[in-house]
C-alpha cells in the first residue's frame, strides 16, 4: 500500500510542485494586492485566493507533464 502511494507521489510530483507554487502565489497576491473592500470573490479571502492559485498552478504544471 505504501509502495503504491510513493509511486503515485513520484509519478505526479510535478503537479504537486505546481500546487505548492500556486498556493504561495495566490496567498502572495492576496497579501500584496488583495481587495481593500473585501467584496472581491477571489482576492477578498486568503483561503479562496490560495485555493484558486493551487488550482491554476496544478493545471499549468499538469500541462508540462510528459506523457508515457
PDB file of N, CA and C in Angstrom:
ATOM      1  N   UNK A   1       0.819  -1.195   0.000  1.00  0.00           N
ATOM      2  CA  UNK A   1       0.000   0.000   0.000  1.00  0.00           C
ATOM      3  C   UNK A   1       0.866   1.264   0.000  1.00  0.00           C
ATOM      4  N   UNK A   2       1.891   1.268   0.825  1.00  0.00           N
ATOM      5  CA  UNK A   2       2.777   2.439   0.887  1.00  0.00           C
ATOM      6  C   UNK A   2       3.571   2.567  -0.407  1.00  0.00           C
ATOM      7  N   UNK A   3       3.928   1.429  -1.009  1.00  0.00           N
ATOM      8  CA  UNK A   3       4.666   1.479  -2.275  1.00  0.00           C
ATOM      9  C   UNK A   3       3.830   2.130  -3.372  1.00  0.00           C
ATOM     10  N   UNK A   4       2.529   1.848  -3.386  1.00  0.00           N
ATOM     11  CA  UNK A   4       1.651   2.464  -4.379  1.00  0.00           C
ATOM     12  C   UNK A   4       1.542   3.967  -4.152  1.00  0.00           C
ATOM     13  N   UNK A   5       1.485   4.364  -2.888  1.00  0.00           N
ATOM     14  CA  UNK A   5       1.399   5.786  -2.558  1.00  0.00           C
ATOM     15  C   UNK A   5       2.665   6.526  -2.969  1.00  0.00           C
ATOM     16  N   UNK A   6       3.808   5.943  -2.688  1.00  0.00           N
ATOM     17  CA  UNK A   6       5.088   6.555  -3.068  1.00  0.00           C
ATOM     18  C   UNK A   6       5.209   6.623  -4.589  1.00  0.00           C
ATOM     19  N   UNK A   7       4.760   5.575  -5.256  1.00  0.00           N
ATOM     20  CA  UNK A   7       4.779   5.569  -6.718  1.00  0.00           C
ATOM     21  C   UNK A   7       3.880   6.673  -7.277  1.00  0.00           C
ATOM     22  N   UNK A   8       2.714   6.851  -6.658  1.00  0.00           N
ATOM     23  CA  UNK A   8       1.792   7.906  -7.081  1.00  0.00           C
ATOM     24  C   UNK A   8       2.423   9.289  -6.900  1.00  0.00           C
ATOM     25  N   UNK A   9       3.085   9.499  -5.752  1.00  0.00           N
ATOM     26  CA  UNK A   9       3.733  10.787  -5.499  1.00  0.00           C
ATOM     27  C   UNK A   9       4.850  11.062  -6.494  1.00  0.00           C
ATOM     28  N   UNK A  10       5.660  10.053  -6.788  1.00  0.00           N
ATOM     29  CA  UNK A  10       6.755  10.245  -7.742  1.00  0.00           C
ATOM     30  C   UNK A  10       6.234  10.504  -9.142  1.00  0.00           C
ATOM     31  N   UNK A  11       5.147   9.822  -9.498  1.00  0.00           N
ATOM     32  CA  UNK A  11       4.585   9.969 -10.836  1.00  0.00           C
ATOM     33  C   UNK A  11       3.996  11.365 -11.042  1.00  0.00           C
ATOM     34  N   UNK A  12       3.454  11.953  -9.974  1.00  0.00           N
ATOM     35  CA  UNK A  12       2.771  13.245 -10.082  1.00  0.00           C
ATOM     36  C   UNK A  12       3.481  14.366  -9.333  1.00  0.00           C
ATOM     37  N   UNK A  13       4.780  14.249  -9.138  1.00  0.00           N
ATOM     38  CA  UNK A  13       5.497  15.247  -8.353  1.00  0.00           C
ATOM     39  C   UNK A  13       5.489  16.625  -9.000  1.00  0.00           C
ATOM     40  N   UNK A  14       5.450  16.694 -10.310  1.00  0.00           N
ATOM     41  CA  UNK A  14       5.419  17.986 -10.985  1.00  0.00           C
ATOM     42  C   UNK A  14       4.096  18.707 -10.710  1.00  0.00           C
ATOM     43  N   UNK A  15       3.009  17.968 -10.671  1.00  0.00           N
ATOM     44  CA  UNK A  15       1.702  18.564 -10.382  1.00  0.00           C
ATOM     45  C   UNK A  15       1.660  19.080  -8.947  1.00  0.00           C
ATOM     46  N   UNK A  16       2.194  18.289  -8.007  1.00  0.00           N
ATOM     47  CA  UNK A  16       2.215  18.725  -6.615  1.00  0.00           C
ATOM     48  C   UNK A  16       3.107  19.952  -6.426  1.00  0.00           C
ATOM     49  N   UNK A  17       4.172  20.033  -7.176  1.00  0.00           N
ATOM     50  CA  UNK A  17       5.020  21.219  -7.148  1.00  0.00           C
ATOM     51  C   UNK A  17       4.239  22.438  -7.637  1.00  0.00           C
ATOM     52  N   UNK A  18       3.478  22.260  -8.705  1.00  0.00           N
ATOM     53  CA  UNK A  18       2.652  23.346  -9.228  1.00  0.00           C
ATOM     54  C   UNK A  18       1.592  23.793  -8.242  1.00  0.00           C
ATOM     55  N   UNK A  19       1.009  22.839  -7.513  1.00  0.00           N
ATOM     56  CA  UNK A  19       0.014  23.181  -6.499  1.00  0.00           C
ATOM     57  C   UNK A  19       0.656  24.008  -5.388  1.00  0.00           C
ATOM     58  N   UNK A  20       1.842  23.603  -4.950  1.00  0.00           N
ATOM     59  CA  UNK A  20       2.536  24.354  -3.901  1.00  0.00           C
ATOM     60  C   UNK A  20       2.904  25.757  -4.332  1.00  0.00           C
ATOM     61  N   UNK A  21       3.425  25.881  -5.538  1.00  0.00           N
ATOM     62  CA  UNK A  21       3.776  27.201  -6.055  1.00  0.00           C
ATOM     63  C   UNK A  21       2.521  28.049  -6.236  1.00  0.00           C
ATOM     64  N   UNK A  22       1.432  27.423  -6.671  1.00  0.00           N
ATOM     65  CA  UNK A  22       0.173  28.144  -6.839  1.00  0.00           C
ATOM     66  C   UNK A  22      -0.391  28.653  -5.523  1.00  0.00           C
ATOM     67  N   UNK A  23      -0.263  27.848  -4.462  1.00  0.00           N
ATOM     68  CA  UNK A  23      -0.722  28.295  -3.144  1.00  0.00           C
ATOM     69  C   UNK A  23       0.068  29.520  -2.707  1.00  0.00           C
ATOM     70  N   UNK A  24       1.374  29.452  -2.860  1.00  0.00           N
ATOM     71  CA  UNK A  24       2.212  30.603  -2.483  1.00  0.00           C
ATOM     72  C   UNK A  24       1.891  31.835  -3.326  1.00  0.00           C
ATOM     73  N   UNK A  25       1.693  31.631  -4.612  1.00  0.00           N
ATOM     74  CA  UNK A  25       1.388  32.761  -5.490  1.00  0.00           C
ATOM     75  C   UNK A  25       0.017  33.362  -5.168  1.00  0.00           C
ATOM     76  N   UNK A  26      -0.983  32.510  -4.930  1.00  0.00           N
ATOM     77  CA  UNK A  26      -2.315  33.006  -4.593  1.00  0.00           C
ATOM     78  C   UNK A  26      -2.337  33.765  -3.285  1.00  0.00           C
ATOM     79  N   UNK A  27      -1.655  33.231  -2.276  1.00  0.00           N
ATOM     80  CA  UNK A  27      -1.596  33.927  -0.989  1.00  0.00           C
ATOM     81  C   UNK A  27      -0.822  35.230  -1.117  1.00  0.00           C
ATOM     82  N   UNK A  28       0.267  35.209  -1.861  1.00  0.00           N
ATOM     83  CA  UNK A  28       1.051  36.421  -2.063  1.00  0.00           C
ATOM     84  C   UNK A  28       0.239  37.487  -2.780  1.00  0.00           C
ATOM     85  N   UNK A  29      -0.555  37.071  -3.749  1.00  0.00           N
ATOM     86  CA  UNK A  29      -1.403  38.033  -4.453  1.00  0.00           C
ATOM     87  C   UNK A  29      -2.411  38.648  -3.496  1.00  0.00           C
ATOM     88  N   UNK A  30      -3.015  37.834  -2.640  1.00  0.00           N
ATOM     89  CA  UNK A  30      -3.955  38.365  -1.655  1.00  0.00           C
ATOM     90  C   UNK A  30      -3.252  39.338  -0.714  1.00  0.00           C
ATOM     91  N   UNK A  31      -2.057  38.982  -0.271  1.00  0.00           N
ATOM     92  CA  UNK A  31      -1.336  39.784   0.717  1.00  0.00           C
ATOM     93  C   UNK A  31      -0.870  41.115   0.138  1.00  0.00           C
ATOM     94  N   UNK A  32      -0.304  41.092  -1.054  1.00  0.00           N
ATOM     95  CA  UNK A  32       0.293  42.307  -1.615  1.00  0.00           C
ATOM     96  C   UNK A  32      -0.681  43.137  -2.443  1.00  0.00           C
ATOM     97  N   UNK A  33      -1.623  42.500  -3.114  1.00  0.00           N
ATOM     98  CA  UNK A  33      -2.561  43.228  -3.969  1.00  0.00           C
ATOM     99  C   UNK A  33      -3.938  43.241  -3.318  1.00  0.00           C
ATOM    100  N   UNK A  34      -4.519  42.070  -3.183  1.00  0.00           N
ATOM    101  CA  UNK A  34      -5.781  41.883  -2.467  1.00  0.00           C
ATOM    102  C   UNK A  34      -6.921  42.764  -2.916  1.00  0.00           C
ATOM    103  N   UNK A  35      -7.861  42.922  -2.002  1.00  0.00           N
ATOM    104  CA  UNK A  35      -9.057  43.716  -2.258  1.00  0.00           C
ATOM    105  C   UNK A  35      -9.347  44.510  -0.989  1.00  0.00           C
ATOM    106  N   UNK A  36      -9.279  45.809  -1.069  1.00  0.00           N
ATOM    107  CA  UNK A  36      -9.411  46.656   0.118  1.00  0.00           C
ATOM    108  C   UNK A  36     -10.803  46.577   0.738  1.00  0.00           C
ATOM    109  N   UNK A  37     -11.824  46.459  -0.083  1.00  0.00           N
ATOM    110  CA  UNK A  37     -13.184  46.455   0.455  1.00  0.00           C
ATOM    111  C   UNK A  37     -13.607  45.074   0.967  1.00  0.00           C
ATOM    112  N   UNK A  38     -12.945  44.024   0.512  1.00  0.00           N
ATOM    113  CA  UNK A  38     -13.303  42.670   0.940  1.00  0.00           C
ATOM    114  C   UNK A  38     -14.466  42.079   0.179  1.00  0.00           C
ATOM    115  N   UNK A  39     -14.942  42.759  -0.846  1.00  0.00           N
ATOM    116  CA  UNK A  39     -16.086  42.255  -1.595  1.00  0.00           C
ATOM    117  C   UNK A  39     -15.687  41.470  -2.835  1.00  0.00           C
ATOM    118  N   UNK A  40     -14.419  41.413  -3.142  1.00  0.00           N
ATOM    119  CA  UNK A  40     -13.956  40.660  -4.312  1.00  0.00           C
ATOM    120  C   UNK A  40     -14.034  39.162  -3.993  1.00  0.00           C
ATOM    121  N   UNK A  41     -14.634  38.365  -4.850  1.00  0.00           N
ATOM    122  CA  UNK A  41     -14.849  36.957  -4.513  1.00  0.00           C
ATOM    123  C   UNK A  41     -13.568  36.132  -4.395  1.00  0.00           C
ATOM    124  N   UNK A  42     -12.546  36.428  -5.150  1.00  0.00           N
ATOM    125  CA  UNK A  42     -11.329  35.610  -5.105  1.00  0.00           C
ATOM    126  C   UNK A  42     -10.275  36.257  -4.218  1.00  0.00           C
ATOM    127  N   UNK A  43     -10.016  37.517  -4.395  1.00  0.00           N
ATOM    128  CA  UNK A  43      -8.914  38.159  -3.684  1.00  0.00           C
ATOM    129  C   UNK A  43      -9.315  38.748  -2.342  1.00  0.00           C
ATOM    130  N   UNK A  44     -10.573  38.643  -1.945  1.00  0.00           N
ATOM    131  CA  UNK A  44     -11.012  39.179  -0.674  1.00  0.00           C
ATOM    132  C   UNK A  44     -10.751  38.247   0.491  1.00  0.00           C
ATOM    133  N   UNK A  45     -10.490  36.981   0.213  1.00  0.00           N
ATOM    134  CA  UNK A  45     -10.286  35.974   1.248  1.00  0.00           C
ATOM    135  C   UNK A  45      -8.977  35.243   0.972  1.00  0.00           C
ATOM    136  N   UNK A  46      -8.068  35.135   1.937  1.00  0.00           N
ATOM    137  CA  UNK A  46      -6.783  34.493   1.659  1.00  0.00           C
ATOM    138  C   UNK A  46      -6.907  33.001   1.351  1.00  0.00           C
ATOM    139  N   UNK A  47      -7.887  32.332   1.948  1.00  0.00           N
ATOM    140  CA  UNK A  47      -8.053  30.903   1.698  1.00  0.00           C
ATOM    141  C   UNK A  47      -8.536  30.628   0.277  1.00  0.00           C
ATOM    142  N   UNK A  48      -9.496  31.410  -0.171  1.00  0.00           N
ATOM    143  CA  UNK A  48     -10.008  31.237  -1.532  1.00  0.00           C
ATOM    144  C   UNK A  48      -8.941  31.612  -2.552  1.00  0.00           C
ATOM    145  N   UNK A  49      -8.203  32.666  -2.256  1.00  0.00           N
ATOM    146  CA  UNK A  49      -7.132  33.089  -3.153  1.00  0.00           C
ATOM    147  C   UNK A  49      -6.059  32.003  -3.264  1.00  0.00           C
ATOM    148  N   UNK A  50      -5.689  31.395  -2.139  1.00  0.00           N
ATOM    149  CA  UNK A  50      -4.690  30.319  -2.151  1.00  0.00           C
ATOM    150  C   UNK A  50      -5.218  29.081  -2.861  1.00  0.00           C
ATOM    151  N   UNK A  51      -6.486  28.740  -2.659  1.00  0.00           N
ATOM    152  CA  UNK A  51      -7.064  27.571  -3.339  1.00  0.00           C
ATOM    153  C   UNK A  51      -7.152  27.796  -4.849  1.00  0.00           C
ATOM    154  N   UNK A  52      -7.523  29.001  -5.244  1.00  0.00           N
ATOM    155  CA  UNK A  52      -7.571  29.326  -6.665  1.00  0.00           C
ATOM    156  C   UNK A  52      -6.166  29.248  -7.272  1.00  0.00           C
ATOM    157  N   UNK A  53      -5.179  29.746  -6.548  1.00  0.00           N
ATOM    158  CA  UNK A  53      -3.797  29.653  -7.009  1.00  0.00           C
ATOM    159  C   UNK A  53      -3.342  28.212  -7.122  1.00  0.00           C
ATOM    160  N   UNK A  54      -3.750  27.362  -6.159  1.00  0.00           N
ATOM    161  CA  UNK A  54      -3.399  25.943  -6.211  1.00  0.00           C
ATOM    162  C   UNK A  54      -4.011  25.276  -7.436  1.00  0.00           C
ATOM    163  N   UNK A  55      -5.249  25.598  -7.730  1.00  0.00           N
ATOM    164  CA  UNK A  55      -5.918  25.029  -8.902  1.00  0.00           C
ATOM    165  C   UNK A  55      -5.217  25.442 -10.188  1.00  0.00           C
ATOM    166  N   UNK A  56      -4.940  26.715 -10.322  1.00  0.00           N
ATOM    167  CA  UNK A  56      -4.284  27.216 -11.532  1.00  0.00           C
ATOM    168  C   UNK A  56      -2.865  26.663 -11.648  1.00  0.00           C
ATOM    169  N   UNK A  57      -2.125  26.649 -10.542  1.00  0.00           N
ATOM    170  CA  UNK A  57      -0.762  26.112 -10.568  1.00  0.00           C
ATOM    171  C   UNK A  57      -0.730  24.634 -10.920  1.00  0.00           C
ATOM    172  N   UNK A  58      -1.654  23.863 -10.345  1.00  0.00           N
ATOM    173  CA  UNK A  58      -1.721  22.443 -10.662  1.00  0.00           C
ATOM    174  C   UNK A  58      -2.057  22.198 -12.127  1.00  0.00           C
ATOM    175  N   UNK A  59      -2.980  22.981 -12.650  1.00  0.00           N
ATOM    176  CA  UNK A  59      -3.353  22.815 -14.062  1.00  0.00           C
ATOM    177  C   UNK A  59      -2.218  23.214 -14.999  1.00  0.00           C
ATOM    178  N   UNK A  60      -1.535  24.290 -14.676  1.00  0.00           N
ATOM    179  CA  UNK A  60      -0.429  24.726 -15.536  1.00  0.00           C
ATOM    180  C   UNK A  60       0.695  23.696 -15.528  1.00  0.00           C
ATOM    181  N   UNK A  61       1.060  23.206 -14.345  1.00  0.00           N
ATOM    182  CA  UNK A  61       2.139  22.235 -14.262  1.00  0.00           C
ATOM    183  C   UNK A  61       1.736  20.874 -14.812  1.00  0.00           C
ATOM    184  N   UNK A  62       0.429  20.575 -14.821  1.00  0.00           N
ATOM    185  CA  UNK A  62      -0.037  19.320 -15.408  1.00  0.00           C
ATOM    186  C   UNK A  62       0.173  19.305 -16.923  1.00  0.00           C
ATOM    187  N   UNK A  63       0.132  20.487 -17.525  1.00  0.00           N
ATOM    188  CA  UNK A  63       0.346  20.539 -18.964  1.00  0.00           C
ATOM    189  C   UNK A  63       1.824  20.314 -19.324  1.00  0.00           C
ATOM    190  N   UNK A  64       2.712  20.499 -18.354  1.00  0.00           N
ATOM    191  CA  UNK A  64       4.137  20.302 -18.598  1.00  0.00           C
ATOM    192  C   UNK A  64       4.562  18.855 -18.434  1.00  0.00           C
ATOM    193  N   UNK A  65       3.684  18.026 -17.881  1.00  0.00           N
ATOM    194  CA  UNK A  65       3.999  16.637 -17.597  1.00  0.00           C
ATOM    195  C   UNK A  65       4.142  15.844 -18.897  1.00  0.00           C
ATOM    196  N   UNK A  66       5.174  15.026 -18.957  1.00  0.00           N
ATOM    197  CA  UNK A  66       5.405  14.199 -20.143  1.00  0.00           C
ATOM    198  C   UNK A  66       4.405  13.052 -20.159  1.00  0.00           C
ATOM    199  N   UNK A  67       3.944  12.721 -21.344  1.00  0.00           N
ATOM    200  CA  UNK A  67       3.058  11.562 -21.498  1.00  0.00           C
ATOM    201  C   UNK A  67       3.909  10.322 -21.770  1.00  0.00           C
ATOM    202  N   UNK A  68       3.528   9.244 -21.148  1.00  0.00           N
ATOM    203  CA  UNK A  68       4.273   7.979 -21.350  1.00  0.00           C
ATOM    204  C   UNK A  68       3.772   7.237 -22.561  1.00  0.00           C
TER     205      UNK A  68
END
